N, C-alpha and C. Protein backbone atom coordinates (compact mmCIF):
# COMPACT_ATOMS: atom_id res chain seq x y z
N MET A 1 0.85 -1.18 0.00
CA MET A 1 0.00 0.00 0.00
C MET A 1 0.90 1.24 0.00
N SER A 2 0.58 2.17 -0.87
CA SER A 2 1.43 3.36 -0.98
C SER A 2 1.16 4.35 0.15
N LYS A 3 2.14 5.20 0.38
CA LYS A 3 2.02 6.23 1.40
C LYS A 3 0.85 7.17 1.09
N SER A 4 0.65 7.43 -0.21
CA SER A 4 -0.43 8.33 -0.62
C SER A 4 -1.80 7.80 -0.24
N SER A 5 -2.00 6.50 -0.34
CA SER A 5 -3.32 5.94 -0.04
C SER A 5 -3.64 6.01 1.45
N LYS A 6 -2.63 6.24 2.28
CA LYS A 6 -2.85 6.37 3.72
C LYS A 6 -3.16 7.81 4.11
N LYS A 7 -3.10 8.73 3.16
CA LYS A 7 -3.37 10.14 3.45
C LYS A 7 -4.80 10.29 3.93
N THR A 8 -4.99 11.31 4.74
CA THR A 8 -6.31 11.60 5.27
C THR A 8 -6.74 13.00 4.87
N TYR A 9 -8.00 13.26 5.00
CA TYR A 9 -8.55 14.60 4.80
C TYR A 9 -9.50 14.86 5.96
N LYS A 10 -9.65 16.11 6.29
CA LYS A 10 -10.61 16.45 7.34
C LYS A 10 -11.95 16.72 6.67
N CYS A 11 -12.89 15.89 7.01
CA CYS A 11 -14.23 15.95 6.44
C CYS A 11 -15.04 17.04 7.12
N LEU A 12 -16.07 17.48 6.47
CA LEU A 12 -16.95 18.48 7.04
C LEU A 12 -17.75 17.96 8.23
N CYS A 13 -17.73 16.65 8.45
CA CYS A 13 -18.39 16.09 9.64
C CYS A 13 -17.51 16.30 10.88
N GLY A 14 -16.26 16.77 10.65
CA GLY A 14 -15.35 17.04 11.75
C GLY A 14 -14.32 15.95 11.99
N LYS A 15 -14.48 14.80 11.32
CA LYS A 15 -13.55 13.68 11.51
C LYS A 15 -12.55 13.64 10.36
N LYS A 16 -11.43 12.96 10.61
CA LYS A 16 -10.46 12.70 9.55
C LYS A 16 -10.74 11.31 9.00
N HIS A 17 -10.72 11.21 7.67
CA HIS A 17 -10.94 9.92 7.00
C HIS A 17 -9.78 9.66 6.05
N LYS A 18 -9.44 8.40 5.86
CA LYS A 18 -8.43 8.01 4.89
C LYS A 18 -9.07 8.01 3.49
N PHE A 19 -8.28 8.40 2.50
CA PHE A 19 -8.76 8.33 1.12
C PHE A 19 -9.20 6.92 0.79
N GLN A 20 -8.40 5.93 1.19
CA GLN A 20 -8.68 4.54 0.82
C GLN A 20 -9.98 4.01 1.42
N ASN A 21 -10.55 4.70 2.40
CA ASN A 21 -11.81 4.28 3.00
C ASN A 21 -13.00 5.11 2.51
N SER A 22 -12.73 6.03 1.60
CA SER A 22 -13.78 6.93 1.11
C SER A 22 -14.00 6.76 -0.38
N GLU A 23 -15.23 6.97 -0.79
CA GLU A 23 -15.55 6.99 -2.21
C GLU A 23 -15.51 8.43 -2.68
N VAL A 24 -15.22 8.62 -3.96
CA VAL A 24 -15.16 9.97 -4.52
C VAL A 24 -16.02 10.00 -5.79
N ILE A 25 -16.69 11.12 -5.97
CA ILE A 25 -17.50 11.32 -7.17
C ILE A 25 -16.73 12.23 -8.12
N GLN A 26 -16.57 11.78 -9.36
CA GLN A 26 -16.02 12.63 -10.41
C GLN A 26 -17.22 13.19 -11.17
N THR A 27 -17.46 14.49 -10.99
CA THR A 27 -18.59 15.09 -11.69
C THR A 27 -18.22 15.34 -13.14
N HIS A 28 -19.24 15.45 -13.97
CA HIS A 28 -19.08 15.78 -15.39
C HIS A 28 -20.11 16.83 -15.75
N PHE A 29 -19.78 17.67 -16.71
CA PHE A 29 -20.76 18.63 -17.19
C PHE A 29 -20.81 18.59 -18.71
N TYR A 30 -21.99 18.86 -19.21
CA TYR A 30 -22.26 18.74 -20.65
C TYR A 30 -22.01 20.07 -21.35
N VAL A 31 -21.32 19.99 -22.48
CA VAL A 31 -21.11 21.16 -23.34
C VAL A 31 -22.09 21.02 -24.50
N TYR A 32 -23.07 21.91 -24.51
CA TYR A 32 -24.12 21.85 -25.53
C TYR A 32 -23.56 22.20 -26.91
N PRO A 33 -24.17 21.62 -27.95
CA PRO A 33 -23.73 21.95 -29.31
C PRO A 33 -23.88 23.45 -29.58
N HIS A 34 -22.89 23.99 -30.25
CA HIS A 34 -22.96 25.38 -30.67
C HIS A 34 -22.08 25.55 -31.91
N GLY A 35 -22.49 26.44 -32.77
CA GLY A 35 -21.77 26.59 -34.03
C GLY A 35 -21.99 25.37 -34.90
N CYS A 36 -21.16 25.21 -35.89
CA CYS A 36 -21.32 24.09 -36.82
C CYS A 36 -20.65 22.81 -36.34
N THR A 37 -19.57 22.94 -35.57
CA THR A 37 -18.80 21.74 -35.23
C THR A 37 -18.38 21.63 -33.79
N ASP A 38 -18.88 22.46 -32.91
CA ASP A 38 -18.39 22.41 -31.53
C ASP A 38 -19.50 21.99 -30.57
N GLY A 39 -19.10 21.43 -29.44
CA GLY A 39 -20.03 21.03 -28.40
C GLY A 39 -20.48 19.60 -28.53
N ASP A 40 -21.54 19.25 -27.78
CA ASP A 40 -22.12 17.92 -27.73
C ASP A 40 -21.13 16.90 -27.14
N TYR A 41 -20.54 17.25 -25.99
CA TYR A 41 -19.65 16.34 -25.30
C TYR A 41 -19.64 16.66 -23.80
N TRP A 42 -19.09 15.74 -23.02
CA TRP A 42 -18.99 15.88 -21.57
C TRP A 42 -17.55 16.18 -21.18
N LEU A 43 -17.35 17.00 -20.16
CA LEU A 43 -16.04 17.29 -19.59
C LEU A 43 -16.05 16.97 -18.10
N GLU A 44 -14.87 16.63 -17.57
CA GLU A 44 -14.76 16.39 -16.13
C GLU A 44 -14.92 17.69 -15.37
N GLY A 45 -15.62 17.60 -14.25
CA GLY A 45 -15.77 18.73 -13.35
C GLY A 45 -14.98 18.47 -12.07
N GLU A 46 -15.54 18.88 -10.96
CA GLU A 46 -14.87 18.77 -9.67
C GLU A 46 -14.98 17.37 -9.08
N LEU A 47 -14.17 17.13 -8.06
CA LEU A 47 -14.29 15.91 -7.27
C LEU A 47 -15.11 16.20 -6.03
N GLN A 48 -15.86 15.20 -5.59
CA GLN A 48 -16.66 15.31 -4.38
C GLN A 48 -16.43 14.04 -3.56
N ILE A 49 -15.85 14.21 -2.37
CA ILE A 49 -15.55 13.05 -1.52
C ILE A 49 -16.77 12.76 -0.65
N ILE A 50 -17.21 11.53 -0.67
CA ILE A 50 -18.39 11.13 0.11
C ILE A 50 -17.94 10.76 1.52
N CYS A 51 -18.53 11.43 2.49
CA CYS A 51 -18.22 11.14 3.89
C CYS A 51 -18.71 9.73 4.23
N PRO A 52 -17.81 8.85 4.71
CA PRO A 52 -18.24 7.50 5.05
C PRO A 52 -19.16 7.45 6.28
N THR A 53 -19.22 8.54 7.04
CA THR A 53 -20.06 8.58 8.23
C THR A 53 -21.45 9.13 7.93
N THR A 54 -21.52 10.27 7.22
CA THR A 54 -22.81 10.95 7.01
C THR A 54 -23.37 10.81 5.60
N ASN A 55 -22.57 10.33 4.65
CA ASN A 55 -22.95 10.20 3.25
C ASN A 55 -23.10 11.56 2.55
N CYS A 56 -22.65 12.61 3.19
CA CYS A 56 -22.68 13.95 2.60
C CYS A 56 -21.47 14.11 1.68
N LYS A 57 -21.62 14.91 0.61
CA LYS A 57 -20.53 15.13 -0.32
C LYS A 57 -19.71 16.36 0.10
N ASN A 58 -18.39 16.18 0.16
CA ASN A 58 -17.44 17.26 0.39
C ASN A 58 -16.97 17.72 -0.99
N ARG A 59 -17.40 18.89 -1.43
CA ARG A 59 -16.93 19.41 -2.72
C ARG A 59 -15.48 19.85 -2.54
N VAL A 60 -14.55 19.22 -3.24
CA VAL A 60 -13.13 19.55 -3.12
C VAL A 60 -12.87 20.76 -4.02
N LEU A 61 -12.76 21.92 -3.37
CA LEU A 61 -12.61 23.16 -4.10
C LEU A 61 -11.24 23.77 -3.88
N PHE A 62 -10.76 24.48 -4.88
CA PHE A 62 -9.46 25.13 -4.82
C PHE A 62 -9.62 26.59 -5.18
N ASP A 63 -8.99 27.45 -4.38
CA ASP A 63 -9.04 28.89 -4.61
C ASP A 63 -7.84 29.27 -5.49
N GLU A 64 -8.07 29.34 -6.79
CA GLU A 64 -7.00 29.66 -7.73
C GLU A 64 -7.21 31.03 -8.36
N TYR A 65 -7.84 31.93 -7.63
CA TYR A 65 -8.15 33.24 -8.18
C TYR A 65 -6.91 34.08 -8.43
N LYS A 66 -5.80 33.75 -7.78
CA LYS A 66 -4.56 34.50 -7.99
C LYS A 66 -3.88 34.10 -9.30
N VAL A 67 -4.27 32.96 -9.87
CA VAL A 67 -3.70 32.47 -11.12
C VAL A 67 -4.45 33.11 -12.28
N PRO A 68 -3.73 33.67 -13.26
CA PRO A 68 -4.41 34.24 -14.42
C PRO A 68 -5.34 33.21 -15.08
N TYR A 69 -6.50 33.65 -15.50
CA TYR A 69 -7.53 32.75 -16.03
C TYR A 69 -6.99 31.86 -17.15
N GLU A 70 -6.19 32.41 -18.04
CA GLU A 70 -5.70 31.64 -19.20
C GLU A 70 -4.72 30.52 -18.80
N LYS A 71 -4.19 30.53 -17.58
CA LYS A 71 -3.25 29.50 -17.13
C LYS A 71 -3.92 28.41 -16.30
N ARG A 72 -5.17 28.58 -15.92
CA ARG A 72 -5.82 27.66 -14.97
C ARG A 72 -6.01 26.24 -15.49
N ASN A 73 -5.92 26.03 -16.79
CA ASN A 73 -6.04 24.67 -17.33
C ASN A 73 -4.69 23.99 -17.51
N GLU A 74 -3.61 24.69 -17.16
CA GLU A 74 -2.27 24.10 -17.24
C GLU A 74 -1.98 23.36 -15.94
N TYR A 75 -1.45 22.15 -16.05
CA TYR A 75 -1.20 21.30 -14.88
C TYR A 75 -0.43 22.02 -13.78
N LYS A 76 0.66 22.69 -14.13
CA LYS A 76 1.49 23.31 -13.09
C LYS A 76 0.82 24.50 -12.42
N TRP A 77 -0.24 25.03 -13.01
CA TRP A 77 -0.96 26.16 -12.42
C TRP A 77 -2.32 25.77 -11.87
N SER A 78 -2.61 24.48 -11.81
CA SER A 78 -3.92 24.03 -11.33
C SER A 78 -3.76 23.00 -10.20
N LEU A 79 -4.07 23.42 -8.98
CA LEU A 79 -4.02 22.48 -7.85
C LEU A 79 -5.05 21.37 -8.03
N GLU A 80 -6.18 21.70 -8.64
CA GLU A 80 -7.22 20.69 -8.87
C GLU A 80 -6.72 19.58 -9.79
N LEU A 81 -6.09 19.93 -10.90
CA LEU A 81 -5.56 18.92 -11.82
C LEU A 81 -4.47 18.08 -11.16
N GLN A 82 -3.62 18.73 -10.37
CA GLN A 82 -2.56 18.01 -9.67
C GLN A 82 -3.16 17.02 -8.67
N PHE A 83 -4.16 17.47 -7.92
CA PHE A 83 -4.78 16.59 -6.93
C PHE A 83 -5.45 15.39 -7.61
N LYS A 84 -6.18 15.65 -8.68
CA LYS A 84 -6.85 14.54 -9.39
C LYS A 84 -5.83 13.51 -9.86
N ARG A 85 -4.75 13.97 -10.48
CA ARG A 85 -3.75 13.04 -11.02
C ARG A 85 -3.08 12.23 -9.91
N LYS A 86 -2.77 12.86 -8.81
CA LYS A 86 -2.04 12.18 -7.74
C LYS A 86 -2.92 11.29 -6.86
N TYR A 87 -4.17 11.70 -6.64
CA TYR A 87 -4.95 11.05 -5.58
C TYR A 87 -6.25 10.35 -6.01
N LYS A 88 -6.80 10.67 -7.15
CA LYS A 88 -8.12 10.10 -7.50
C LYS A 88 -8.09 8.57 -7.47
N LYS A 89 -7.01 7.98 -7.89
CA LYS A 89 -6.92 6.51 -7.92
C LYS A 89 -6.76 5.89 -6.53
N MET A 90 -6.51 6.72 -5.53
CA MET A 90 -6.30 6.21 -4.18
C MET A 90 -7.59 5.96 -3.41
N PHE A 91 -8.68 6.49 -3.92
CA PHE A 91 -9.95 6.33 -3.21
C PHE A 91 -10.49 4.91 -3.38
N LYS A 92 -11.32 4.52 -2.45
CA LYS A 92 -11.93 3.19 -2.45
C LYS A 92 -12.67 2.93 -3.76
N LYS A 93 -13.35 3.95 -4.25
CA LYS A 93 -14.14 3.82 -5.48
C LYS A 93 -14.31 5.20 -6.09
N VAL A 94 -14.25 5.27 -7.43
CA VAL A 94 -14.53 6.51 -8.16
C VAL A 94 -15.87 6.33 -8.86
N ILE A 95 -16.81 7.22 -8.56
CA ILE A 95 -18.14 7.19 -9.16
C ILE A 95 -18.23 8.32 -10.18
N ASN A 96 -18.49 7.99 -11.43
CA ASN A 96 -18.67 9.02 -12.45
C ASN A 96 -20.12 9.49 -12.41
N ASP A 97 -20.30 10.79 -12.20
CA ASP A 97 -21.64 11.35 -12.07
C ASP A 97 -21.91 12.34 -13.20
N TYR A 98 -23.03 12.16 -13.85
CA TYR A 98 -23.48 13.02 -14.93
C TYR A 98 -24.77 13.73 -14.51
N ASN A 99 -24.72 14.41 -13.37
CA ASN A 99 -25.82 15.20 -12.81
C ASN A 99 -26.95 14.38 -12.21
N ASP A 100 -26.68 13.14 -11.82
CA ASP A 100 -27.73 12.30 -11.25
C ASP A 100 -27.68 12.21 -9.73
N ASP A 101 -26.54 12.47 -9.12
CA ASP A 101 -26.38 12.28 -7.69
C ASP A 101 -27.01 13.44 -6.93
N SER A 102 -27.96 13.13 -6.07
CA SER A 102 -28.71 14.19 -5.37
C SER A 102 -28.41 14.27 -3.87
N ARG A 103 -27.30 13.67 -3.45
CA ARG A 103 -26.92 13.75 -2.03
C ARG A 103 -26.66 15.19 -1.61
N GLU A 104 -26.81 15.44 -0.33
CA GLU A 104 -26.46 16.75 0.22
C GLU A 104 -24.97 17.00 0.00
N TRP A 105 -24.60 18.25 -0.24
CA TRP A 105 -23.18 18.59 -0.41
C TRP A 105 -22.85 19.87 0.34
N LYS A 106 -21.55 20.01 0.64
CA LYS A 106 -21.03 21.21 1.29
C LYS A 106 -19.67 21.50 0.69
N ASN A 107 -19.30 22.78 0.66
CA ASN A 107 -18.00 23.18 0.14
C ASN A 107 -16.91 22.84 1.14
N CYS A 108 -15.84 22.24 0.67
CA CYS A 108 -14.72 21.84 1.52
C CYS A 108 -13.42 22.38 0.93
N TYR A 109 -12.73 23.21 1.68
CA TYR A 109 -11.46 23.78 1.23
C TYR A 109 -10.27 23.20 2.00
N TYR A 110 -10.47 22.11 2.71
CA TYR A 110 -9.40 21.55 3.55
C TYR A 110 -8.16 21.22 2.73
N ILE A 111 -8.32 20.51 1.63
CA ILE A 111 -7.17 20.09 0.83
C ILE A 111 -6.47 21.31 0.23
N ASP A 112 -7.23 22.29 -0.22
CA ASP A 112 -6.67 23.52 -0.76
C ASP A 112 -5.84 24.25 0.30
N LYS A 113 -6.38 24.35 1.49
CA LYS A 113 -5.68 25.06 2.57
C LYS A 113 -4.45 24.30 3.07
N HIS A 114 -4.35 23.03 2.75
CA HIS A 114 -3.21 22.20 3.16
C HIS A 114 -2.51 21.62 1.93
N ALA A 115 -2.45 22.40 0.86
CA ALA A 115 -1.89 21.94 -0.41
C ALA A 115 -0.49 21.36 -0.26
N LYS A 116 0.33 22.00 0.55
CA LYS A 116 1.72 21.53 0.72
C LYS A 116 1.75 20.11 1.29
N LYS A 117 0.87 19.82 2.22
CA LYS A 117 0.77 18.48 2.83
C LYS A 117 0.51 17.42 1.76
N TYR A 118 -0.19 17.79 0.70
CA TYR A 118 -0.56 16.87 -0.36
C TYR A 118 0.40 16.94 -1.56
N GLY A 119 1.47 17.70 -1.42
CA GLY A 119 2.45 17.81 -2.51
C GLY A 119 1.96 18.63 -3.69
N LEU A 120 1.06 19.57 -3.44
CA LEU A 120 0.50 20.40 -4.49
C LEU A 120 1.12 21.79 -4.41
N LYS A 121 1.51 22.33 -5.55
CA LYS A 121 2.04 23.70 -5.55
C LYS A 121 1.83 24.32 -6.92
N LEU A 122 1.67 25.63 -6.92
CA LEU A 122 1.47 26.37 -8.17
C LEU A 122 2.81 26.79 -8.75
N GLY A 123 2.89 26.68 -10.07
CA GLY A 123 4.09 27.17 -10.78
C GLY A 123 5.19 26.26 -10.80
């Protein structure tokens, strides 16, 4: 078992949970057709960690407002992309959601506020 899979996050329920004991939802959003040749496809959105205690979704959000908008899709300038690449596979299960999951959710900035602990950095 890798060191990464033993990492924990502080859930909005107040407890710390291991990634390997939690399920995560990979949200997707639809790009509607527009113009002659663009749209009609799905893109990945945010991750939402499901609390194993309350079943509530922790929206994993990152405050990247200091990064110029045109750089936010570049790996080295996106904490979200770095986190997904490093940790998404460490969760117990990844659920792909296309707007069907209706569980309660809350915004969670724990991972963003502790980016260094998770090996995430901008630039």
